């Protein structure tokens, strides 16, 4: 299956909503780059997973060093009998079928525009 990369600029607040099932020109969206929304500052910006992990079950932007770039995902906790946390967890992703990922950083997803 062939892939084509598009870079489209939109006016602030007029970006279209997209998800893993969005169809574009007859194909299915498989990647989204969030480079312009990642704030590299001390107020909830980019965080190394070596320094801290995102809260469990909260959607965040995750950076894959193996080439996918920024993707939406969350940290899923594992539970044992009686719904007791085991202390183990795994990364889960908005787009299914993603494998061979090396998540190195995470960032909160920015708030949506207020004037919708």
PDB file of N, CA and C in Angstrom:
ATOM      1  N   UNK A   1       0.854  -1.169   0.000  1.00  0.00           N
ATOM      2  CA  UNK A   1       0.000   0.000   0.000  1.00  0.00           C
ATOM      3  C   UNK A   1       0.899   1.230   0.000  1.00  0.00           C
ATOM      4  N   UNK A   2       0.657   2.147  -0.903  1.00  0.00           N
ATOM      5  CA  UNK A   2       1.447   3.368  -0.999  1.00  0.00           C
ATOM      6  C   UNK A   2       0.982   4.428  -0.025  1.00  0.00           C
ATOM      7  N   UNK A   3       1.891   5.324   0.328  1.00  0.00           N
ATOM      8  CA  UNK A   3       1.560   6.421   1.241  1.00  0.00           C
ATOM      9  C   UNK A   3       1.995   7.731   0.621  1.00  0.00           C
ATOM     10  N   UNK A   4       1.210   8.785   0.865  1.00  0.00           N
ATOM     11  CA  UNK A   4       1.501  10.128   0.387  1.00  0.00           C
ATOM     12  C   UNK A   4       1.453  11.053   1.597  1.00  0.00           C
ATOM     13  N   UNK A   5       2.402  11.963   1.702  1.00  0.00           N
ATOM     14  CA  UNK A   5       2.434  12.914   2.813  1.00  0.00           C
ATOM     15  C   UNK A   5       1.923  14.270   2.345  1.00  0.00           C
ATOM     16  N   UNK A   6       0.954  14.818   3.084  1.00  0.00           N
ATOM     17  CA  UNK A   6       0.428  16.152   2.823  1.00  0.00           C
ATOM     18  C   UNK A   6       0.747  17.032   4.025  1.00  0.00           C
ATOM     19  N   UNK A   7       1.106  18.267   3.781  1.00  0.00           N
ATOM     20  CA  UNK A   7       1.238  19.255   4.847  1.00  0.00           C
ATOM     21  C   UNK A   7       0.267  20.371   4.496  1.00  0.00           C
ATOM     22  N   UNK A   8      -0.725  20.580   5.357  1.00  0.00           N
ATOM     23  CA  UNK A   8      -1.769  21.566   5.096  1.00  0.00           C
ATOM     24  C   UNK A   8      -1.801  22.546   6.262  1.00  0.00           C
ATOM     25  N   UNK A   9      -1.764  23.838   5.963  1.00  0.00           N
ATOM     26  CA  UNK A   9      -1.859  24.851   7.007  1.00  0.00           C
ATOM     27  C   UNK A   9      -3.280  25.397   7.048  1.00  0.00           C
ATOM     28  N   UNK A  10      -3.816  25.533   8.260  1.00  0.00           N
ATOM     29  CA  UNK A  10      -5.147  26.080   8.471  1.00  0.00           C
ATOM     30  C   UNK A  10      -5.029  27.306   9.361  1.00  0.00           C
ATOM     31  N   UNK A  11      -5.984  28.225   9.237  1.00  0.00           N
ATOM     32  CA  UNK A  11      -6.038  29.358  10.152  1.00  0.00           C
ATOM     33  C   UNK A  11      -6.273  28.823  11.558  1.00  0.00           C
ATOM     34  N   UNK A  12      -5.724  29.525  12.556  1.00  0.00           N
ATOM     35  CA  UNK A  12      -5.915  29.102  13.940  1.00  0.00           C
ATOM     36  C   UNK A  12      -7.396  28.946  14.247  1.00  0.00           C
ATOM     37  N   UNK A  13      -7.737  27.835  14.878  1.00  0.00           N
ATOM     38  CA  UNK A  13      -9.114  27.560  15.255  1.00  0.00           C
ATOM     39  C   UNK A  13      -9.961  26.964  14.151  1.00  0.00           C
ATOM     40  N   UNK A  14      -9.429  26.826  12.933  1.00  0.00           N
ATOM     41  CA  UNK A  14     -10.207  26.276  11.822  1.00  0.00           C
ATOM     42  C   UNK A  14      -9.673  24.919  11.361  1.00  0.00           C
ATOM     43  N   UNK A  15      -8.872  24.268  12.207  1.00  0.00           N
ATOM     44  CA  UNK A  15      -8.358  22.955  11.867  1.00  0.00           C
ATOM     45  C   UNK A  15      -9.505  21.944  11.895  1.00  0.00           C
ATOM     46  N   UNK A  16      -9.566  21.032  10.933  1.00  0.00           N
ATOM     47  CA  UNK A  16     -10.645  20.046  10.931  1.00  0.00           C
ATOM     48  C   UNK A  16     -10.409  18.975  11.993  1.00  0.00           C
ATOM     49  N   UNK A  17     -11.482  18.387  12.486  1.00  0.00           N
ATOM     50  CA  UNK A  17     -11.358  17.266  13.420  1.00  0.00           C
ATOM     51  C   UNK A  17     -10.941  16.030  12.631  1.00  0.00           C
ATOM     52  N   UNK A  18      -9.965  15.301  13.138  1.00  0.00           N
ATOM     53  CA  UNK A  18      -9.504  14.077  12.478  1.00  0.00           C
ATOM     54  C   UNK A  18      -9.378  12.970  13.507  1.00  0.00           C
ATOM     55  N   UNK A  19      -9.484  11.726  13.037  1.00  0.00           N
ATOM     56  CA  UNK A  19      -9.238  10.570  13.893  1.00  0.00           C
ATOM     57  C   UNK A  19      -8.686   9.446  13.034  1.00  0.00           C
ATOM     58  N   UNK A  20      -8.468   8.301  13.616  1.00  0.00           N
ATOM     59  CA  UNK A  20      -7.865   7.181  12.909  1.00  0.00           C
ATOM     60  C   UNK A  20      -8.711   6.616  11.788  1.00  0.00           C
ATOM     61  N   UNK A  21      -9.961   7.006  11.697  1.00  0.00           N
ATOM     62  CA  UNK A  21     -10.836   6.487  10.647  1.00  0.00           C
ATOM     63  C   UNK A  21     -11.189   7.543   9.605  1.00  0.00           C
ATOM     64  N   UNK A  22     -10.536   8.702   9.672  1.00  0.00           N
ATOM     65  CA  UNK A  22     -10.801   9.766   8.714  1.00  0.00           C
ATOM     66  C   UNK A  22     -10.336   9.345   7.323  1.00  0.00           C
ATOM     67  N   UNK A  23     -11.200   9.491   6.337  1.00  0.00           N
ATOM     68  CA  UNK A  23     -10.829   9.184   4.958  1.00  0.00           C
ATOM     69  C   UNK A  23     -10.450  10.468   4.238  1.00  0.00           C
ATOM     70  N   UNK A  24      -9.332  10.409   3.517  1.00  0.00           N
ATOM     71  CA  UNK A  24      -8.837  11.552   2.764  1.00  0.00           C
ATOM     72  C   UNK A  24      -8.525  11.084   1.356  1.00  0.00           C
ATOM     73  N   UNK A  25      -9.200  11.660   0.368  1.00  0.00           N
ATOM     74  CA  UNK A  25      -8.979  11.319  -1.041  1.00  0.00           C
ATOM     75  C   UNK A  25      -9.051   9.821  -1.289  1.00  0.00           C
ATOM     76  N   UNK A  26      -9.960   9.134  -0.592  1.00  0.00           N
ATOM     77  CA  UNK A  26     -10.152   7.704  -0.797  1.00  0.00           C
ATOM     78  C   UNK A  26      -9.245   6.812   0.024  1.00  0.00           C
ATOM     79  N   UNK A  27      -8.353   7.398   0.817  1.00  0.00           N
ATOM     80  CA  UNK A  27      -7.465   6.610   1.681  1.00  0.00           C
ATOM     81  C   UNK A  27      -7.783   6.868   3.136  1.00  0.00           C
ATOM     82  N   UNK A  28      -7.234   6.038   4.022  1.00  0.00           N
ATOM     83  CA  UNK A  28      -7.481   6.175   5.456  1.00  0.00           C
ATOM     84  C   UNK A  28      -6.295   6.862   6.123  1.00  0.00           C
ATOM     85  N   UNK A  29      -6.577   7.837   6.975  1.00  0.00           N
ATOM     86  CA  UNK A  29      -5.545   8.544   7.716  1.00  0.00           C
ATOM     87  C   UNK A  29      -4.813   7.556   8.624  1.00  0.00           C
ATOM     88  N   UNK A  30      -3.488   7.544   8.557  1.00  0.00           N
ATOM     89  CA  UNK A  30      -2.729   6.630   9.417  1.00  0.00           C
ATOM     90  C   UNK A  30      -1.742   7.354  10.316  1.00  0.00           C
ATOM     91  N   UNK A  31      -1.501   8.654  10.134  1.00  0.00           N
ATOM     92  CA  UNK A  31      -0.551   9.411  10.943  1.00  0.00           C
ATOM     93  C   UNK A  31      -0.939  10.880  10.979  1.00  0.00           C
ATOM     94  N   UNK A  32      -0.709  11.513  12.107  1.00  0.00           N
ATOM     95  CA  UNK A  32      -0.929  12.955  12.230  1.00  0.00           C
ATOM     96  C   UNK A  32       0.267  13.539  12.966  1.00  0.00           C
ATOM     97  N   UNK A  33       0.828  14.612  12.472  1.00  0.00           N
ATOM     98  CA  UNK A  33       1.948  15.282  13.146  1.00  0.00           C
ATOM     99  C   UNK A  33       1.403  16.431  13.976  1.00  0.00           C
ATOM    100  N   UNK A  34       1.787  16.486  15.212  1.00  0.00           N
ATOM    101  CA  UNK A  34       1.309  17.521  16.128  1.00  0.00           C
ATOM    102  C   UNK A  34       2.429  18.481  16.498  1.00  0.00           C
ATOM    103  N   UNK A  35       3.416  18.623  15.648  1.00  0.00           N
ATOM    104  CA  UNK A  35       4.602  19.399  15.986  1.00  0.00           C
ATOM    105  C   UNK A  35       4.296  20.834  16.371  1.00  0.00           C
ATOM    106  N   UNK A  36       3.295  21.441  15.748  1.00  0.00           N
ATOM    107  CA  UNK A  36       3.025  22.850  16.024  1.00  0.00           C
ATOM    108  C   UNK A  36       2.284  23.085  17.333  1.00  0.00           C
ATOM    109  N   UNK A  37       1.796  22.044  17.994  1.00  0.00           N
ATOM    110  CA  UNK A  37       1.069  22.241  19.245  1.00  0.00           C
ATOM    111  C   UNK A  37       1.852  21.793  20.465  1.00  0.00           C
ATOM    112  N   UNK A  38       3.055  21.275  20.279  1.00  0.00           N
ATOM    113  CA  UNK A  38       3.857  20.817  21.406  1.00  0.00           C
ATOM    114  C   UNK A  38       4.610  22.007  21.991  1.00  0.00           C
ATOM    115  N   UNK A  39       4.310  22.349  23.219  1.00  0.00           N
ATOM    116  CA  UNK A  39       4.981  23.465  23.893  1.00  0.00           C
ATOM    117  C   UNK A  39       6.156  22.912  24.691  1.00  0.00           C
ATOM    118  N   UNK A  40       7.351  23.357  24.372  1.00  0.00           N
ATOM    119  CA  UNK A  40       8.541  22.893  25.080  1.00  0.00           C
ATOM    120  C   UNK A  40       8.867  23.859  26.213  1.00  0.00           C
ATOM    121  N   UNK A  41       8.000  23.905  27.196  1.00  0.00           N
ATOM    122  CA  UNK A  41       8.208  24.800  28.326  1.00  0.00           C
ATOM    123  C   UNK A  41       7.989  24.038  29.626  1.00  0.00           C
ATOM    124  N   UNK A  42       8.053  24.744  30.742  1.00  0.00           N
ATOM    125  CA  UNK A  42       7.905  24.099  32.044  1.00  0.00           C
ATOM    126  C   UNK A  42       6.447  23.944  32.467  1.00  0.00           C
ATOM    127  N   UNK A  43       5.509  24.463  31.714  1.00  0.00           N
ATOM    128  CA  UNK A  43       4.106  24.421  32.105  1.00  0.00           C
ATOM    129  C   UNK A  43       3.367  23.325  31.361  1.00  0.00           C
ATOM    130  N   UNK A  44       3.699  22.076  31.659  1.00  0.00           N
ATOM    131  CA  UNK A  44       2.985  20.963  31.056  1.00  0.00           C
ATOM    132  C   UNK A  44       3.394  20.680  29.640  1.00  0.00           C
ATOM    133  N   UNK A  45       4.594  21.041  29.239  1.00  0.00           N
ATOM    134  CA  UNK A  45       5.053  20.792  27.880  1.00  0.00           C
ATOM    135  C   UNK A  45       5.526  19.367  27.700  1.00  0.00           C
ATOM    136  N   UNK A  46       6.562  19.200  26.925  1.00  0.00           N
ATOM    137  CA  UNK A  46       7.106  17.896  26.575  1.00  0.00           C
ATOM    138  C   UNK A  46       7.844  17.281  27.769  1.00  0.00           C
ATOM    139  N   UNK A  47       7.537  16.014  28.071  1.00  0.00           N
ATOM    140  CA  UNK A  47       8.135  15.323  29.212  1.00  0.00           C
ATOM    141  C   UNK A  47       8.786  14.025  28.767  1.00  0.00           C
ATOM    142  N   UNK A  48       9.961  13.724  29.275  1.00  0.00           N
ATOM    143  CA  UNK A  48      10.608  12.446  29.005  1.00  0.00           C
ATOM    144  C   UNK A  48       9.926  11.367  29.843  1.00  0.00           C
ATOM    145  N   UNK A  49       9.677  10.182  29.267  1.00  0.00           N
ATOM    146  CA  UNK A  49       9.075   9.098  30.041  1.00  0.00           C
ATOM    147  C   UNK A  49      10.060   8.562  31.079  1.00  0.00           C
ATOM    148  N   UNK A  50      11.337   8.908  30.938  1.00  0.00           N
ATOM    149  CA  UNK A  50      12.323   8.525  31.964  1.00  0.00           C
ATOM    150  C   UNK A  50      12.141   9.360  33.229  1.00  0.00           C
ATOM    151  N   UNK A  51      11.671  10.606  33.058  1.00  0.00           N
ATOM    152  CA  UNK A  51      11.497  11.509  34.199  1.00  0.00           C
ATOM    153  C   UNK A  51      10.142  11.354  34.872  1.00  0.00           C
ATOM    154  N   UNK A  52       9.083  11.203  34.078  1.00  0.00           N
ATOM    155  CA  UNK A  52       7.740  11.042  34.635  1.00  0.00           C
ATOM    156  C   UNK A  52       6.831  10.435  33.576  1.00  0.00           C
ATOM    157  N   UNK A  53       5.798   9.760  34.041  1.00  0.00           N
ATOM    158  CA  UNK A  53       4.822   9.144  33.147  1.00  0.00           C
ATOM    159  C   UNK A  53       3.525   9.940  33.198  1.00  0.00           C
ATOM    160  N   UNK A  54       2.748   9.900  32.117  1.00  0.00           N
ATOM    161  CA  UNK A  54       1.455  10.594  32.151  1.00  0.00           C
ATOM    162  C   UNK A  54       0.499   9.873  33.097  1.00  0.00           C
ATOM    163  N   UNK A  55      -0.516  10.569  33.577  1.00  0.00           N
ATOM    164  CA  UNK A  55      -1.517   9.906  34.416  1.00  0.00           C
ATOM    165  C   UNK A  55      -2.149   8.743  33.658  1.00  0.00           C
ATOM    166  N   UNK A  56      -2.516   7.708  34.373  1.00  0.00           N
ATOM    167  CA  UNK A  56      -3.125   6.530  33.747  1.00  0.00           C
ATOM    168  C   UNK A  56      -4.447   6.891  33.087  1.00  0.00           C
ATOM    169  N   UNK A  57      -4.695   6.287  31.943  1.00  0.00           N
ATOM    170  CA  UNK A  57      -5.963   6.378  31.207  1.00  0.00           C
ATOM    171  C   UNK A  57      -6.332   7.787  30.753  1.00  0.00           C
ATOM    172  N   UNK A  58      -5.363   8.685  30.679  1.00  0.00           N
ATOM    173  CA  UNK A  58      -5.609  10.030  30.161  1.00  0.00           C
ATOM    174  C   UNK A  58      -4.967  10.138  28.781  1.00  0.00           C
ATOM    175  N   UNK A  59      -5.740  10.546  27.780  1.00  0.00           N
ATOM    176  CA  UNK A  59      -5.210  10.713  26.429  1.00  0.00           C
ATOM    177  C   UNK A  59      -4.154  11.814  26.416  1.00  0.00           C
ATOM    178  N   UNK A  60      -2.995  11.491  25.848  1.00  0.00           N
ATOM    179  CA  UNK A  60      -1.892  12.442  25.729  1.00  0.00           C
ATOM    180  C   UNK A  60      -1.241  12.250  24.365  1.00  0.00           C
ATOM    181  N   UNK A  61      -0.343  13.154  24.013  1.00  0.00           N
ATOM    182  CA  UNK A  61       0.472  12.989  22.815  1.00  0.00           C
ATOM    183  C   UNK A  61       1.717  12.213  23.211  1.00  0.00           C
ATOM    184  N   UNK A  62       2.025  11.154  22.465  1.00  0.00           N
ATOM    185  CA  UNK A  62       3.189  10.313  22.734  1.00  0.00           C
ATOM    186  C   UNK A  62       4.145  10.408  21.559  1.00  0.00           C
ATOM    187  N   UNK A  63       5.443  10.481  21.833  1.00  0.00           N
ATOM    188  CA  UNK A  63       6.428  10.557  20.751  1.00  0.00           C
ATOM    189  C   UNK A  63       7.100   9.210  20.563  1.00  0.00           C
ATOM    190  N   UNK A  64       7.020   8.691  19.326  1.00  0.00           N
ATOM    191  CA  UNK A  64       7.665   7.429  18.966  1.00  0.00           C
ATOM    192  C   UNK A  64       8.979   7.718  18.261  1.00  0.00           C
ATOM    193  N   UNK A  65      10.092   7.311  18.868  1.00  0.00           N
ATOM    194  CA  UNK A  65      11.416   7.556  18.292  1.00  0.00           C
ATOM    195  C   UNK A  65      11.713   6.639  17.108  1.00  0.00           C
ATOM    196  N   UNK A  66      10.857   5.651  16.840  1.00  0.00           N
ATOM    197  CA  UNK A  66      11.071   4.739  15.710  1.00  0.00           C
ATOM    198  C   UNK A  66      10.457   5.242  14.414  1.00  0.00           C
ATOM    199  N   UNK A  67       9.939   6.457  14.392  1.00  0.00           N
ATOM    200  CA  UNK A  67       9.505   7.020  13.120  1.00  0.00           C
ATOM    201  C   UNK A  67       8.068   7.448  12.989  1.00  0.00           C
ATOM    202  N   UNK A  68       7.181   7.053  13.894  1.00  0.00           N
ATOM    203  CA  UNK A  68       5.785   7.475  13.782  1.00  0.00           C
ATOM    204  C   UNK A  68       5.617   8.942  14.159  1.00  0.00           C
ATOM    205  N   UNK A  69       6.529   9.471  14.983  1.00  0.00           N
ATOM    206  CA  UNK A  69       6.400  10.850  15.441  1.00  0.00           C
ATOM    207  C   UNK A  69       5.384  10.942  16.563  1.00  0.00           C
ATOM    208  N   UNK A  70       4.654  12.049  16.638  1.00  0.00           N
ATOM    209  CA  UNK A  70       3.664  12.267  17.691  1.00  0.00           C
ATOM    210  C   UNK A  70       2.378  11.535  17.359  1.00  0.00           C
ATOM    211  N   UNK A  71       1.865  10.751  18.309  1.00  0.00           N
ATOM    212  CA  UNK A  71       0.623  10.003  18.157  1.00  0.00           C
ATOM    213  C   UNK A  71      -0.207  10.183  19.427  1.00  0.00           C
ATOM    214  N   UNK A  72      -1.501   9.937  19.332  1.00  0.00           N
ATOM    215  CA  UNK A  72      -2.366  10.022  20.507  1.00  0.00           C
ATOM    216  C   UNK A  72      -2.419   8.654  21.165  1.00  0.00           C
ATOM    217  N   UNK A  73      -2.231   8.628  22.473  1.00  0.00           N
ATOM    218  CA  UNK A  73      -2.283   7.365  23.204  1.00  0.00           C
ATOM    219  C   UNK A  73      -2.495   7.607  24.683  1.00  0.00           C
ATOM    220  N   UNK A  74      -2.424   6.531  25.467  1.00  0.00           N
ATOM    221  CA  UNK A  74      -2.601   6.621  26.905  1.00  0.00           C
ATOM    222  C   UNK A  74      -1.919   5.431  27.566  1.00  0.00           C
ATOM    223  N   UNK A  75      -1.728   5.537  28.860  1.00  0.00           N
ATOM    224  CA  UNK A  75      -1.088   4.488  29.644  1.00  0.00           C
ATOM    225  C   UNK A  75      -2.184   3.654  30.287  1.00  0.00           C
ATOM    226  N   UNK A  76      -2.335   2.400  29.840  1.00  0.00           N
ATOM    227  CA  UNK A  76      -3.373   1.497  30.341  1.00  0.00           C
ATOM    228  C   UNK A  76      -2.823   0.660  31.494  1.00  0.00           C
ATOM    229  N   UNK A  77      -3.501   0.722  32.627  1.00  0.00           N
ATOM    230  CA  UNK A  77      -3.093  -0.073  33.784  1.00  0.00           C
ATOM    231  C   UNK A  77      -3.586  -1.502  33.646  1.00  0.00           C
ATOM    232  N   UNK A  78      -2.839  -2.440  34.204  1.00  0.00           N
ATOM    233  CA  UNK A  78      -3.262  -3.836  34.253  1.00  0.00           C
ATOM    234  C   UNK A  78      -3.903  -4.092  35.609  1.00  0.00           C
ATOM    235  N   UNK A  79      -4.982  -4.872  35.600  1.00  0.00           N
ATOM    236  CA  UNK A  79      -5.696  -5.201  36.824  1.00  0.00           C
ATOM    237  C   UNK A  79      -5.741  -6.712  36.996  1.00  0.00           C
ATOM    238  N   UNK A  80      -5.670  -7.167  38.251  1.00  0.00           N
ATOM    239  CA  UNK A  80      -5.781  -8.583  38.571  1.00  0.00           C
ATOM    240  C   UNK A  80      -7.177  -8.898  39.067  1.00  0.00           C
ATOM    241  N   UNK A  81      -7.301 -10.038  39.713  1.00  0.00           N
ATOM    242  CA  UNK A  81      -8.590 -10.446  40.276  1.00  0.00           C
ATOM    243  C   UNK A  81      -9.094  -9.392  41.252  1.00  0.00           C
ATOM    244  N   UNK A  82     -10.377  -9.137  41.225  1.00  0.00           N
ATOM    245  CA  UNK A  82     -10.969  -8.134  42.097  1.00  0.00           C
ATOM    246  C   UNK A  82     -10.655  -6.711  41.685  1.00  0.00           C
ATOM    247  N   UNK A  83     -10.235  -6.523  40.423  1.00  0.00           N
ATOM    248  CA  UNK A  83      -9.908  -5.198  39.893  1.00  0.00           C
ATOM    249  C   UNK A  83      -8.828  -4.491  40.710  1.00  0.00           C
ATOM    250  N   UNK A  84      -7.849  -5.264  41.195  1.00  0.00           N
ATOM    251  CA  UNK A  84      -6.723  -4.713  41.940  1.00  0.00           C
ATOM    252  C   UNK A  84      -5.597  -4.413  40.956  1.00  0.00           C
ATOM    253  N   UNK A  85      -5.038  -3.203  41.019  1.00  0.00           N
ATOM    254  CA  UNK A  85      -3.936  -2.837  40.127  1.00  0.00           C
ATOM    255  C   UNK A  85      -2.737  -3.735  40.393  1.00  0.00           C
ATOM    256  N   UNK A  86      -2.117  -4.224  39.306  1.00  0.00           N
ATOM    257  CA  UNK A  86      -0.950  -5.101  39.441  1.00  0.00           C
ATOM    258  C   UNK A  86       0.353  -4.317  39.506  1.00  0.00           C
ATOM    259  N   UNK A  87       0.312  -3.032  39.166  1.00  0.00           N
ATOM    260  CA  UNK A  87       1.529  -2.241  39.079  1.00  0.00           C
ATOM    261  C   UNK A  87       2.118  -2.256  37.676  1.00  0.00           C
ATOM    262  N   UNK A  88       1.609  -3.120  36.814  1.00  0.00           N
ATOM    263  CA  UNK A  88       2.051  -3.196  35.423  1.00  0.00           C
ATOM    264  C   UNK A  88       1.152  -2.307  34.566  1.00  0.00           C
ATOM    265  N   UNK A  89       1.643  -1.909  33.395  1.00  0.00           N
ATOM    266  CA  UNK A  89       0.866  -1.088  32.472  1.00  0.00           C
ATOM    267  C   UNK A  89       1.437  -1.254  31.073  1.00  0.00           C
ATOM    268  N   UNK A  90       0.707  -0.747  30.082  1.00  0.00           N
ATOM    269  CA  UNK A  90       1.173  -0.765  28.692  1.00  0.00           C
ATOM    270  C   UNK A  90       0.648   0.474  27.986  1.00  0.00           C
ATOM    271  N   UNK A  91       1.315   0.840  26.881  1.00  0.00           N
ATOM    272  CA  UNK A  91       0.839   1.951  26.060  1.00  0.00           C
ATOM    273  C   UNK A  91      -0.309   1.460  25.195  1.00  0.00           C
ATOM    274  N   UNK A  92      -1.356   2.259  25.076  1.00  0.00           N
ATOM    275  CA  UNK A  92      -2.470   2.006  24.160  1.00  0.00           C
ATOM    276  C   UNK A  92      -2.559   3.205  23.225  1.00  0.00           C
ATOM    277  N   UNK A  93      -3.067   2.971  22.008  1.00  0.00           N
ATOM    278  CA  UNK A  93      -3.036   4.016  20.992  1.00  0.00           C
ATOM    279  C   UNK A  93      -4.394   4.194  20.338  1.00  0.00           C
ATOM    280  N   UNK A  94      -4.665   5.417  19.880  1.00  0.00           N
ATOM    281  CA  UNK A  94      -5.929   5.726  19.225  1.00  0.00           C
ATOM    282  C   UNK A  94      -6.042   4.988  17.896  1.00  0.00           C
ATOM    283  N   UNK A  95      -4.927   4.798  17.210  1.00  0.00           N
ATOM    284  CA  UNK A  95      -4.926   4.080  15.937  1.00  0.00           C
ATOM    285  C   UNK A  95      -4.489   2.649  16.207  1.00  0.00           C
ATOM    286  N   UNK A  96      -5.320   1.683  15.831  1.00  0.00           N
ATOM    287  CA  UNK A  96      -5.020   0.278  16.096  1.00  0.00           C
ATOM    288  C   UNK A  96      -3.918  -0.249  15.189  1.00  0.00           C
ATOM    289  N   UNK A  97      -3.271  -1.314  15.624  1.00  0.00           N
ATOM    290  CA  UNK A  97      -2.291  -2.006  14.800  1.00  0.00           C
ATOM    291  C   UNK A  97      -0.907  -1.401  14.823  1.00  0.00           C
ATOM    292  N   UNK A  98      -0.637  -0.492  15.744  1.00  0.00           N
ATOM    293  CA  UNK A  98       0.688   0.118  15.803  1.00  0.00           C
ATOM    294  C   UNK A  98       1.611  -0.791  16.607  1.00  0.00           C
ATOM    295  N   UNK A  99       2.745  -1.165  16.010  1.00  0.00           N
ATOM    296  CA  UNK A  99       3.703  -2.043  16.675  1.00  0.00           C
ATOM    297  C   UNK A  99       5.104  -1.464  16.545  1.00  0.00           C
ATOM    298  N   UNK A 100       6.044  -2.050  17.258  1.00  0.00           N
ATOM    299  CA  UNK A 100       7.453  -1.662  17.201  1.00  0.00           C
ATOM    300  C   UNK A 100       7.641  -0.175  17.473  1.00  0.00           C
ATOM    301  N   UNK A 101       7.020   0.299  18.552  1.00  0.00           N
ATOM    302  CA  UNK A 101       7.124   1.704  18.924  1.00  0.00           C
ATOM    303  C   UNK A 101       8.125   1.878  20.065  1.00  0.00           C
ATOM    304  N   UNK A 102       8.789   3.013  20.093  1.00  0.00           N
ATOM    305  CA  UNK A 102       9.718   3.367  21.166  1.00  0.00           C
ATOM    306  C   UNK A 102       9.282   4.722  21.710  1.00  0.00           C
ATOM    307  N   UNK A 103       8.359   4.705  22.674  1.00  0.00           N
ATOM    308  CA  UNK A 103       7.816   5.937  23.236  1.00  0.00           C
ATOM    309  C   UNK A 103       8.855   6.552  24.171  1.00  0.00           C
ATOM    310  N   UNK A 104       9.302   7.770  23.836  1.00  0.00           N
ATOM    311  CA  UNK A 104      10.343   8.432  24.624  1.00  0.00           C
ATOM    312  C   UNK A 104       9.844   9.674  25.354  1.00  0.00           C
ATOM    313  N   UNK A 105       8.791  10.319  24.838  1.00  0.00           N
ATOM    314  CA  UNK A 105       8.296  11.567  25.422  1.00  0.00           C
ATOM    315  C   UNK A 105       6.776  11.601  25.357  1.00  0.00           C
ATOM    316  N   UNK A 106       6.185  12.450  26.179  1.00  0.00           N
ATOM    317  CA  UNK A 106       4.746  12.672  26.139  1.00  0.00           C
ATOM    318  C   UNK A 106       4.466  14.142  26.438  1.00  0.00           C
ATOM    319  N   UNK A 107       3.300  14.586  26.000  1.00  0.00           N
ATOM    320  CA  UNK A 107       2.864  15.964  26.246  1.00  0.00           C
ATOM    321  C   UNK A 107       1.344  15.967  26.372  1.00  0.00           C
ATOM    322  N   UNK A 108       0.794  16.864  27.196  1.00  0.00           N
ATOM    323  CA  UNK A 108      -0.658  16.966  27.281  1.00  0.00           C
ATOM    324  C   UNK A 108      -1.241  17.420  25.947  1.00  0.00           C
ATOM    325  N   UNK A 109      -2.440  16.977  25.659  1.00  0.00           N
ATOM    326  CA  UNK A 109      -3.123  17.441  24.454  1.00  0.00           C
ATOM    327  C   UNK A 109      -3.659  18.840  24.752  1.00  0.00           C
ATOM    328  N   UNK A 110      -3.372  19.810  23.891  1.00  0.00           N
ATOM    329  CA  UNK A 110      -3.842  21.178  24.139  1.00  0.00           C
ATOM    330  C   UNK A 110      -5.368  21.249  24.170  1.00  0.00           C
ATOM    331  N   UNK A 111      -5.872  22.222  24.901  1.00  0.00           N
ATOM    332  CA  UNK A 111      -7.314  22.463  24.941  1.00  0.00           C
ATOM    333  C   UNK A 111      -7.798  22.879  23.559  1.00  0.00           C
ATOM    334  N   UNK A 112      -9.035  22.541  23.243  1.00  0.00           N
ATOM    335  CA  UNK A 112      -9.624  22.948  21.975  1.00  0.00           C
ATOM    336  C   UNK A 112      -9.956  24.430  21.986  1.00  0.00           C
ATOM    337  N   UNK A 113     -10.266  24.986  20.827  1.00  0.00           N
ATOM    338  CA  UNK A 113     -10.608  26.409  20.761  1.00  0.00           C
ATOM    339  C   UNK A 113     -11.888  26.699  21.541  1.00  0.00           C
ATOM    340  N   UNK A 114     -11.936  27.862  22.157  1.00  0.00           N
ATOM    341  CA  UNK A 114     -13.091  28.243  22.971  1.00  0.00           C
ATOM    342  C   UNK A 114     -14.250  28.785  22.144  1.00  0.00           C
ATOM    343  N   UNK A 115     -13.978  29.237  20.933  1.00  0.00           N
ATOM    344  CA  UNK A 115     -15.009  29.917  20.143  1.00  0.00           C
ATOM    345  C   UNK A 115     -15.654  29.008  19.102  1.00  0.00           C
ATOM    346  N   UNK A 116     -15.990  27.786  19.480  1.00  0.00           N
ATOM    347  CA  UNK A 116     -16.639  26.872  18.522  1.00  0.00           C
ATOM    348  C   UNK A 116     -18.109  27.114  18.439  1.00  0.00           C
TER     349      UNK A 116
END
